[in-house]
Structures are given as C-alpha cells and as structure tokens.
C-alpha cells in the first residue's frame, strides 16, 4: 500500500508541475489527466485496503468526467 501511495503522490506532483509550468493548453489538459489518474489510484488503493467498492465506483465516475473534460477541452482548443 505505501508504494502505491508513493506512486500516486509522484504522479500528482508531476501533474501539478505540468499545470503550473506549461503554457500549451494541450499539455495542461494532459497534466490534469495525470492528476486525475493519481486520484483514481488513491481511490482504488484505499477501496481495496478497506474492502469497499466505493473507491472503484468513484474511480469510474472520475474516468467518465475526465473523458468528457478532455473532449470539451480539445474541442475548445
């Protein structure tokens, strides 16, 4: 579990750096997706550790919202 949380923190930190350091809209969207994937890893890891399916359900919702966000974001750009 600690290794998964470290991976998630590293992914989230990389995403934050990408959002703050980049000016290109496509790269910012990719960085936001990286951050959302880190959140999904956390949700699934804690759901598995607590033997609860709520984390996996929330991860599916985040994936669908992220897909819509990318579609709308790329349509605007």
PDB file of N, CA and C in Angstrom:
ATOM      1  N   UNK A   1       0.810  -1.205   0.000  1.00  0.00           N
ATOM      2  CA  UNK A   1       0.000   0.000   0.000  1.00  0.00           C
ATOM      3  C   UNK A   1       0.856   1.273   0.000  1.00  0.00           C
ATOM      4  N   UNK A   2       1.912   1.378   0.820  1.00  0.00           N
ATOM      5  CA  UNK A   2       2.707   2.614   0.794  1.00  0.00           C
ATOM      6  C   UNK A   2       3.355   2.876  -0.567  1.00  0.00           C
ATOM      7  N   UNK A   3       3.730   1.823  -1.277  1.00  0.00           N
ATOM      8  CA  UNK A   3       4.325   2.013  -2.596  1.00  0.00           C
ATOM      9  C   UNK A   3       3.311   2.591  -3.572  1.00  0.00           C
ATOM     10  N   UNK A   4       2.075   2.138  -3.480  1.00  0.00           N
ATOM     11  CA  UNK A   4       1.019   2.654  -4.352  1.00  0.00           C
ATOM     12  C   UNK A   4       0.745   4.119  -4.033  1.00  0.00           C
ATOM     13  N   UNK A   5       0.735   4.462  -2.761  1.00  0.00           N
ATOM     14  CA  UNK A   5       0.510   5.855  -2.377  1.00  0.00           C
ATOM     15  C   UNK A   5       1.671   6.744  -2.813  1.00  0.00           C
ATOM     16  N   UNK A   6       2.888   6.226  -2.751  1.00  0.00           N
ATOM     17  CA  UNK A   6       4.040   6.989  -3.233  1.00  0.00           C
ATOM     18  C   UNK A   6       3.934   7.215  -4.738  1.00  0.00           C
ATOM     19  N   UNK A   7       3.531   6.185  -5.482  1.00  0.00           N
ATOM     20  CA  UNK A   7       3.339   6.324  -6.925  1.00  0.00           C
ATOM     21  C   UNK A   7       2.276   7.367  -7.227  1.00  0.00           C
ATOM     22  N   UNK A   8       1.195   7.325  -6.491  1.00  0.00           N
ATOM     23  CA  UNK A   8       0.121   8.288  -6.692  1.00  0.00           C
ATOM     24  C   UNK A   8       0.582   9.714  -6.381  1.00  0.00           C
ATOM     25  N   UNK A   9       1.334   9.881  -5.318  1.00  0.00           N
ATOM     26  CA  UNK A   9       1.845  11.211  -4.970  1.00  0.00           C
ATOM     27  C   UNK A   9       2.815  11.722  -6.028  1.00  0.00           C
ATOM     28  N   UNK A  10       3.639  10.829  -6.564  1.00  0.00           N
ATOM     29  CA  UNK A  10       4.579  11.232  -7.613  1.00  0.00           C
ATOM     30  C   UNK A  10       3.836  11.640  -8.880  1.00  0.00           C
ATOM     31  N   UNK A  11       2.813  10.878  -9.255  1.00  0.00           N
ATOM     32  CA  UNK A  11       2.021  11.235 -10.434  1.00  0.00           C
ATOM     33  C   UNK A  11       1.310  12.564 -10.235  1.00  0.00           C
ATOM     34  N   UNK A  12       0.739  12.756  -9.052  1.00  0.00           N
ATOM     35  CA  UNK A  12       0.026  14.003  -8.783  1.00  0.00           C
ATOM     36  C   UNK A  12       0.983  15.188  -8.799  1.00  0.00           C
ATOM     37  N   UNK A  13       2.159  15.022  -8.221  1.00  0.00           N
ATOM     38  CA  UNK A  13       3.152  16.104  -8.219  1.00  0.00           C
ATOM     39  C   UNK A  13       3.610  16.439  -9.631  1.00  0.00           C
ATOM     40  N   UNK A  14       3.787  15.414 -10.455  1.00  0.00           N
ATOM     41  CA  UNK A  14       4.158  15.649 -11.848  1.00  0.00           C
ATOM     42  C   UNK A  14       3.059  16.408 -12.575  1.00  0.00           C
ATOM     43  N   UNK A  15       1.817  16.062 -12.298  1.00  0.00           N
ATOM     44  CA  UNK A  15       0.694  16.766 -12.909  1.00  0.00           C
ATOM     45  C   UNK A  15       0.611  18.215 -12.473  1.00  0.00           C
ATOM     46  N   UNK A  16       0.833  18.469 -11.190  1.00  0.00           N
ATOM     47  CA  UNK A  16       0.812  19.850 -10.695  1.00  0.00           C
ATOM     48  C   UNK A  16       1.920  20.662 -11.346  1.00  0.00           C
ATOM     49  N   UNK A  17       3.102  20.067 -11.463  1.00  0.00           N
ATOM     50  CA  UNK A  17       4.201  20.764 -12.132  1.00  0.00           C
ATOM     51  C   UNK A  17       3.834  21.080 -13.582  1.00  0.00           C
ATOM     52  N   UNK A  18       3.216  20.127 -14.266  1.00  0.00           N
ATOM     53  CA  UNK A  18       2.825  20.348 -15.655  1.00  0.00           C
ATOM     54  C   UNK A  18       1.795  21.450 -15.801  1.00  0.00           C
ATOM     55  N   UNK A  19       0.858  21.524 -14.870  1.00  0.00           N
ATOM     56  CA  UNK A  19      -0.164  22.573 -14.932  1.00  0.00           C
ATOM     57  C   UNK A  19       0.457  23.937 -14.676  1.00  0.00           C
ATOM     58  N   UNK A  20       1.368  24.010 -13.719  1.00  0.00           N
ATOM     59  CA  UNK A  20       1.938  25.305 -13.351  1.00  0.00           C
ATOM     60  C   UNK A  20       3.038  25.769 -14.299  1.00  0.00           C
ATOM     61  N   UNK A  21       3.745  24.848 -14.937  1.00  0.00           N
ATOM     62  CA  UNK A  21       4.918  25.223 -15.724  1.00  0.00           C
ATOM     63  C   UNK A  21       4.634  25.346 -17.220  1.00  0.00           C
ATOM     64  N   UNK A  22       3.567  24.768 -17.702  1.00  0.00           N
ATOM     65  CA  UNK A  22       3.310  24.762 -19.146  1.00  0.00           C
ATOM     66  C   UNK A  22       2.317  25.844 -19.531  1.00  0.00           C
ATOM     67  N   UNK A  23       2.473  26.339 -20.759  1.00  0.00           N
ATOM     68  CA  UNK A  23       1.550  27.324 -21.290  1.00  0.00           C
ATOM     69  C   UNK A  23       0.671  26.744 -22.389  1.00  0.00           C
ATOM     70  N   UNK A  24       1.069  25.611 -22.945  1.00  0.00           N
ATOM     71  CA  UNK A  24       0.309  24.975 -24.007  1.00  0.00           C
ATOM     72  C   UNK A  24      -0.947  24.327 -23.412  1.00  0.00           C
ATOM     73  N   UNK A  25      -2.105  24.614 -24.008  1.00  0.00           N
ATOM     74  CA  UNK A  25      -3.368  24.123 -23.458  1.00  0.00           C
ATOM     75  C   UNK A  25      -3.458  22.602 -23.501  1.00  0.00           C
ATOM     76  N   UNK A  26      -2.936  21.990 -24.543  1.00  0.00           N
ATOM     77  CA  UNK A  26      -3.000  20.532 -24.646  1.00  0.00           C
ATOM     78  C   UNK A  26      -2.143  19.888 -23.557  1.00  0.00           C
ATOM     79  N   UNK A  27      -0.976  20.444 -23.296  1.00  0.00           N
ATOM     80  CA  UNK A  27      -0.119  19.897 -22.240  1.00  0.00           C
ATOM     81  C   UNK A  27      -0.731  20.108 -20.857  1.00  0.00           C
ATOM     82  N   UNK A  28      -1.422  21.219 -20.673  1.00  0.00           N
ATOM     83  CA  UNK A  28      -2.104  21.448 -19.400  1.00  0.00           C
ATOM     84  C   UNK A  28      -3.223  20.427 -19.215  1.00  0.00           C
ATOM     85  N   UNK A  29      -3.974  20.142 -20.282  1.00  0.00           N
ATOM     86  CA  UNK A  29      -5.020  19.118 -20.197  1.00  0.00           C
ATOM     87  C   UNK A  29      -4.432  17.744 -19.891  1.00  0.00           C
ATOM     88  N   UNK A  30      -3.295  17.436 -20.498  1.00  0.00           N
ATOM     89  CA  UNK A  30      -2.642  16.156 -20.214  1.00  0.00           C
ATOM     90  C   UNK A  30      -2.179  16.095 -18.757  1.00  0.00           C
ATOM     91  N   UNK A  31      -1.709  17.204 -18.234  1.00  0.00           N
ATOM     92  CA  UNK A  31      -1.276  17.240 -16.835  1.00  0.00           C
ATOM     93  C   UNK A  31      -2.460  17.071 -15.887  1.00  0.00           C
ATOM     94  N   UNK A  32      -3.592  17.664 -16.235  1.00  0.00           N
ATOM     95  CA  UNK A  32      -4.795  17.487 -15.419  1.00  0.00           C
ATOM     96  C   UNK A  32      -5.239  16.030 -15.441  1.00  0.00           C
ATOM     97  N   UNK A  33      -5.135  15.399 -16.596  1.00  0.00           N
ATOM     98  CA  UNK A  33      -5.470  13.975 -16.686  1.00  0.00           C
ATOM     99  C   UNK A  33      -4.533  13.140 -15.821  1.00  0.00           C
ATOM    100  N   UNK A  34      -3.274  13.509 -15.782  1.00  0.00           N
ATOM    101  CA  UNK A  34      -2.318  12.801 -14.930  1.00  0.00           C
ATOM    102  C   UNK A  34      -2.704  12.940 -13.461  1.00  0.00           C
ATOM    103  N   UNK A  35      -3.134  14.133 -13.075  1.00  0.00           N
ATOM    104  CA  UNK A  35      -3.577  14.348 -11.705  1.00  0.00           C
ATOM    105  C   UNK A  35      -4.829  13.523 -11.394  1.00  0.00           C
ATOM    106  N   UNK A  36      -5.754  13.468 -12.334  1.00  0.00           N
ATOM    107  CA  UNK A  36      -6.968  12.682 -12.117  1.00  0.00           C
ATOM    108  C   UNK A  36      -6.652  11.189 -12.023  1.00  0.00           C
ATOM    109  N   UNK A  37      -5.681  10.727 -12.799  1.00  0.00           N
ATOM    110  CA  UNK A  37      -5.277   9.324 -12.702  1.00  0.00           C
ATOM    111  C   UNK A  37      -4.635   9.026 -11.344  1.00  0.00           C
ATOM    112  N   UNK A  38      -3.901   9.984 -10.809  1.00  0.00           N
ATOM    113  CA  UNK A  38      -3.331   9.799  -9.470  1.00  0.00           C
ATOM    114  C   UNK A  38      -4.440   9.691  -8.424  1.00  0.00           C
ATOM    115  N   UNK A  39      -5.474  10.497  -8.578  1.00  0.00           N
ATOM    116  CA  UNK A  39      -6.615  10.417  -7.666  1.00  0.00           C
ATOM    117  C   UNK A  39      -7.298   9.059  -7.799  1.00  0.00           C
ATOM    118  N   UNK A  40      -7.424   8.570  -9.031  1.00  0.00           N
ATOM    119  CA  UNK A  40      -8.038   7.254  -9.243  1.00  0.00           C
ATOM    120  C   UNK A  40      -7.230   6.153  -8.570  1.00  0.00           C
ATOM    121  N   UNK A  41      -5.912   6.242  -8.655  1.00  0.00           N
ATOM    122  CA  UNK A  41      -5.069   5.241  -7.993  1.00  0.00           C
ATOM    123  C   UNK A  41      -5.301   5.275  -6.487  1.00  0.00           C
ATOM    124  N   UNK A  42      -5.410   6.469  -5.920  1.00  0.00           N
ATOM    125  CA  UNK A  42      -5.690   6.583  -4.485  1.00  0.00           C
ATOM    126  C   UNK A  42      -7.042   5.982  -4.132  1.00  0.00           C
ATOM    127  N   UNK A  43      -8.055   6.299  -4.920  1.00  0.00           N
ATOM    128  CA  UNK A  43      -9.395   5.783  -4.638  1.00  0.00           C
ATOM    129  C   UNK A  43      -9.424   4.259  -4.676  1.00  0.00           C
ATOM    130  N   UNK A  44      -8.814   3.688  -5.693  1.00  0.00           N
ATOM    131  CA  UNK A  44      -8.814   2.230  -5.821  1.00  0.00           C
ATOM    132  C   UNK A  44      -7.970   1.587  -4.720  1.00  0.00           C
ATOM    133  N   UNK A  45      -6.844   2.187  -4.388  1.00  0.00           N
ATOM    134  CA  UNK A  45      -5.980   1.619  -3.345  1.00  0.00           C
ATOM    135  C   UNK A  45      -6.675   1.628  -1.986  1.00  0.00           C
ATOM    136  N   UNK A  46      -7.294   2.742  -1.633  1.00  0.00           N
ATOM    137  CA  UNK A  46      -7.979   2.793  -0.344  1.00  0.00           C
ATOM    138  C   UNK A  46      -9.227   1.922  -0.346  1.00  0.00           C
ATOM    139  N   UNK A  47      -9.906   1.835  -1.486  1.00  0.00           N
ATOM    140  CA  UNK A  47     -11.051   0.932  -1.571  1.00  0.00           C
ATOM    141  C   UNK A  47     -10.645  -0.515  -1.386  1.00  0.00           C
ATOM    142  N   UNK A  48      -9.520  -0.893  -1.977  1.00  0.00           N
ATOM    143  CA  UNK A  48      -9.042  -2.270  -1.819  1.00  0.00           C
ATOM    144  C   UNK A  48      -8.565  -2.530  -0.392  1.00  0.00           C
ATOM    145  N   UNK A  49      -7.935  -1.542   0.218  1.00  0.00           N
ATOM    146  CA  UNK A  49      -7.440  -1.728   1.585  1.00  0.00           C
ATOM    147  C   UNK A  49      -8.588  -1.843   2.586  1.00  0.00           C
ATOM    148  N   UNK A  50      -9.669  -1.131   2.334  1.00  0.00           N
ATOM    149  CA  UNK A  50     -10.812  -1.157   3.247  1.00  0.00           C
ATOM    150  C   UNK A  50     -11.862  -2.192   2.852  1.00  0.00           C
ATOM    151  N   UNK A  51     -11.598  -2.940   1.773  1.00  0.00           N
ATOM    152  CA  UNK A  51     -12.536  -3.951   1.263  1.00  0.00           C
ATOM    153  C   UNK A  51     -13.904  -3.336   0.982  1.00  0.00           C
ATOM    154  N   UNK A  52     -13.876  -2.197   0.294  1.00  0.00           N
ATOM    155  CA  UNK A  52     -15.095  -1.468  -0.035  1.00  0.00           C
ATOM    156  C   UNK A  52     -15.075  -1.142  -1.522  1.00  0.00           C
ATOM    157  N   UNK A  53     -16.210  -1.261  -2.181  1.00  0.00           N
ATOM    158  CA  UNK A  53     -16.279  -0.991  -3.617  1.00  0.00           C
ATOM    159  C   UNK A  53     -16.524   0.479  -3.939  1.00  0.00           C
ATOM    160  N   UNK A  54     -16.700   1.303  -2.930  1.00  0.00           N
ATOM    161  CA  UNK A  54     -16.986   2.712  -3.174  1.00  0.00           C
ATOM    162  C   UNK A  54     -15.836   3.398  -3.904  1.00  0.00           C
ATOM    163  N   UNK A  55     -14.618   3.051  -3.587  1.00  0.00           N
ATOM    164  CA  UNK A  55     -13.462   3.650  -4.259  1.00  0.00           C
ATOM    165  C   UNK A  55     -13.445   3.345  -5.740  1.00  0.00           C
ATOM    166  N   UNK A  56     -13.767   2.114  -6.106  1.00  0.00           N
ATOM    167  CA  UNK A  56     -13.796   1.745  -7.519  1.00  0.00           C
ATOM    168  C   UNK A  56     -14.933   2.457  -8.245  1.00  0.00           C
ATOM    169  N   UNK A  57     -16.071   2.619  -7.582  1.00  0.00           N
ATOM    170  CA  UNK A  57     -17.205   3.309  -8.204  1.00  0.00           C
ATOM    171  C   UNK A  57     -16.853   4.772  -8.445  1.00  0.00           C
ATOM    172  N   UNK A  58     -16.258   5.415  -7.453  1.00  0.00           N
ATOM    173  CA  UNK A  58     -15.845   6.806  -7.631  1.00  0.00           C
ATOM    174  C   UNK A  58     -14.792   6.932  -8.725  1.00  0.00           C
ATOM    175  N   UNK A  59     -13.896   5.966  -8.818  1.00  0.00           N
ATOM    176  CA  UNK A  59     -12.877   5.995  -9.870  1.00  0.00           C
ATOM    177  C   UNK A  59     -13.525   5.922 -11.247  1.00  0.00           C
ATOM    178  N   UNK A  60     -14.558   5.108 -11.395  1.00  0.00           N
ATOM    179  CA  UNK A  60     -15.271   5.051 -12.677  1.00  0.00           C
ATOM    180  C   UNK A  60     -15.938   6.381 -13.002  1.00  0.00           C
ATOM    181  N   UNK A  61     -16.524   7.026 -11.998  1.00  0.00           N
ATOM    182  CA  UNK A  61     -17.117   8.341 -12.224  1.00  0.00           C
ATOM    183  C   UNK A  61     -16.060   9.362 -12.630  1.00  0.00           C
ATOM    184  N   UNK A  62     -14.913   9.325 -11.992  1.00  0.00           N
ATOM    185  CA  UNK A  62     -13.837  10.262 -12.330  1.00  0.00           C
ATOM    186  C   UNK A  62     -13.347  10.019 -13.750  1.00  0.00           C
ATOM    187  N   UNK A  63     -13.271   8.760 -14.167  1.00  0.00           N
ATOM    188  CA  UNK A  63     -12.834   8.450 -15.532  1.00  0.00           C
ATOM    189  C   UNK A  63     -13.817   9.010 -16.550  1.00  0.00           C
ATOM    190  N   UNK A  64     -15.121   8.873 -16.291  1.00  0.00           N
ATOM    191  CA  UNK A  64     -16.106   9.398 -17.244  1.00  0.00           C
ATOM    192  C   UNK A  64     -16.080  10.923 -17.287  1.00  0.00           C
ATOM    193  N   UNK A  65     -15.945  11.551 -16.139  1.00  0.00           N
ATOM    194  CA  UNK A  65     -15.863  13.015 -16.118  1.00  0.00           C
ATOM    195  C   UNK A  65     -14.589  13.487 -16.802  1.00  0.00           C
ATOM    196  N   UNK A  66     -13.491  12.782 -16.613  1.00  0.00           N
ATOM    197  CA  UNK A  66     -12.228  13.155 -17.254  1.00  0.00           C
ATOM    198  C   UNK A  66     -12.320  13.013 -18.767  1.00  0.00           C
ATOM    199  N   UNK A  67     -13.001  11.976 -19.236  1.00  0.00           N
ATOM    200  CA  UNK A  67     -13.160  11.805 -20.681  1.00  0.00           C
ATOM    201  C   UNK A  67     -13.985  12.942 -21.270  1.00  0.00           C
ATOM    202  N   UNK A  68     -15.040  13.336 -20.582  1.00  0.00           N
ATOM    203  CA  UNK A  68     -15.848  14.462 -21.055  1.00  0.00           C
ATOM    204  C   UNK A  68     -15.048  15.757 -21.018  1.00  0.00           C
ATOM    205  N   UNK A  69     -14.251  15.928 -19.983  1.00  0.00           N
ATOM    206  CA  UNK A  69     -13.437  17.144 -19.856  1.00  0.00           C
ATOM    207  C   UNK A  69     -12.422  17.251 -20.984  1.00  0.00           C
ATOM    208  N   UNK A  70     -11.805  16.142 -21.333  1.00  0.00           N
ATOM    209  CA  UNK A  70     -10.830  16.159 -22.428  1.00  0.00           C
ATOM    210  C   UNK A  70     -11.528  16.435 -23.749  1.00  0.00           C
ATOM    211  N   UNK A  71     -12.676  15.819 -23.959  1.00  0.00           N
ATOM    212  CA  UNK A  71     -13.410  16.060 -25.202  1.00  0.00           C
ATOM    213  C   UNK A  71     -13.808  17.510 -25.365  1.00  0.00           C
ATOM    214  N   UNK A  72     -14.328  18.100 -24.315  1.00  0.00           N
ATOM    215  CA  UNK A  72     -14.728  19.509 -24.376  1.00  0.00           C
ATOM    216  C   UNK A  72     -13.506  20.408 -24.464  1.00  0.00           C
ATOM    217  N   UNK A  73     -12.473  20.097 -23.691  1.00  0.00           N
ATOM    218  CA  UNK A  73     -11.259  20.918 -23.714  1.00  0.00           C
ATOM    219  C   UNK A  73     -10.581  20.921 -25.067  1.00  0.00           C
ATOM    220  N   UNK A  74     -10.482  19.768 -25.704  1.00  0.00           N
ATOM    221  CA  UNK A  74      -9.851  19.711 -27.024  1.00  0.00           C
ATOM    222  C   UNK A  74     -10.738  20.334 -28.094  1.00  0.00           C
ATOM    223  N   UNK A  75     -12.050  20.294 -27.904  1.00  0.00           N
ATOM    224  CA  UNK A  75     -12.939  20.952 -28.865  1.00  0.00           C
ATOM    225  C   UNK A  75     -12.795  22.468 -28.784  1.00  0.00           C
ATOM    226  N   UNK A  76     -12.550  22.975 -27.593  1.00  0.00           N
ATOM    227  CA  UNK A  76     -12.371  24.420 -27.432  1.00  0.00           C
ATOM    228  C   UNK A  76     -11.043  24.865 -28.019  1.00  0.00           C
ATOM    229  N   UNK A  77     -10.003  24.060 -27.813  1.00  0.00           N
ATOM    230  CA  UNK A  77      -8.676  24.410 -28.328  1.00  0.00           C
ATOM    231  C   UNK A  77      -8.702  24.221 -29.810  1.00  0.00           C
TER     232      UNK A  77
END
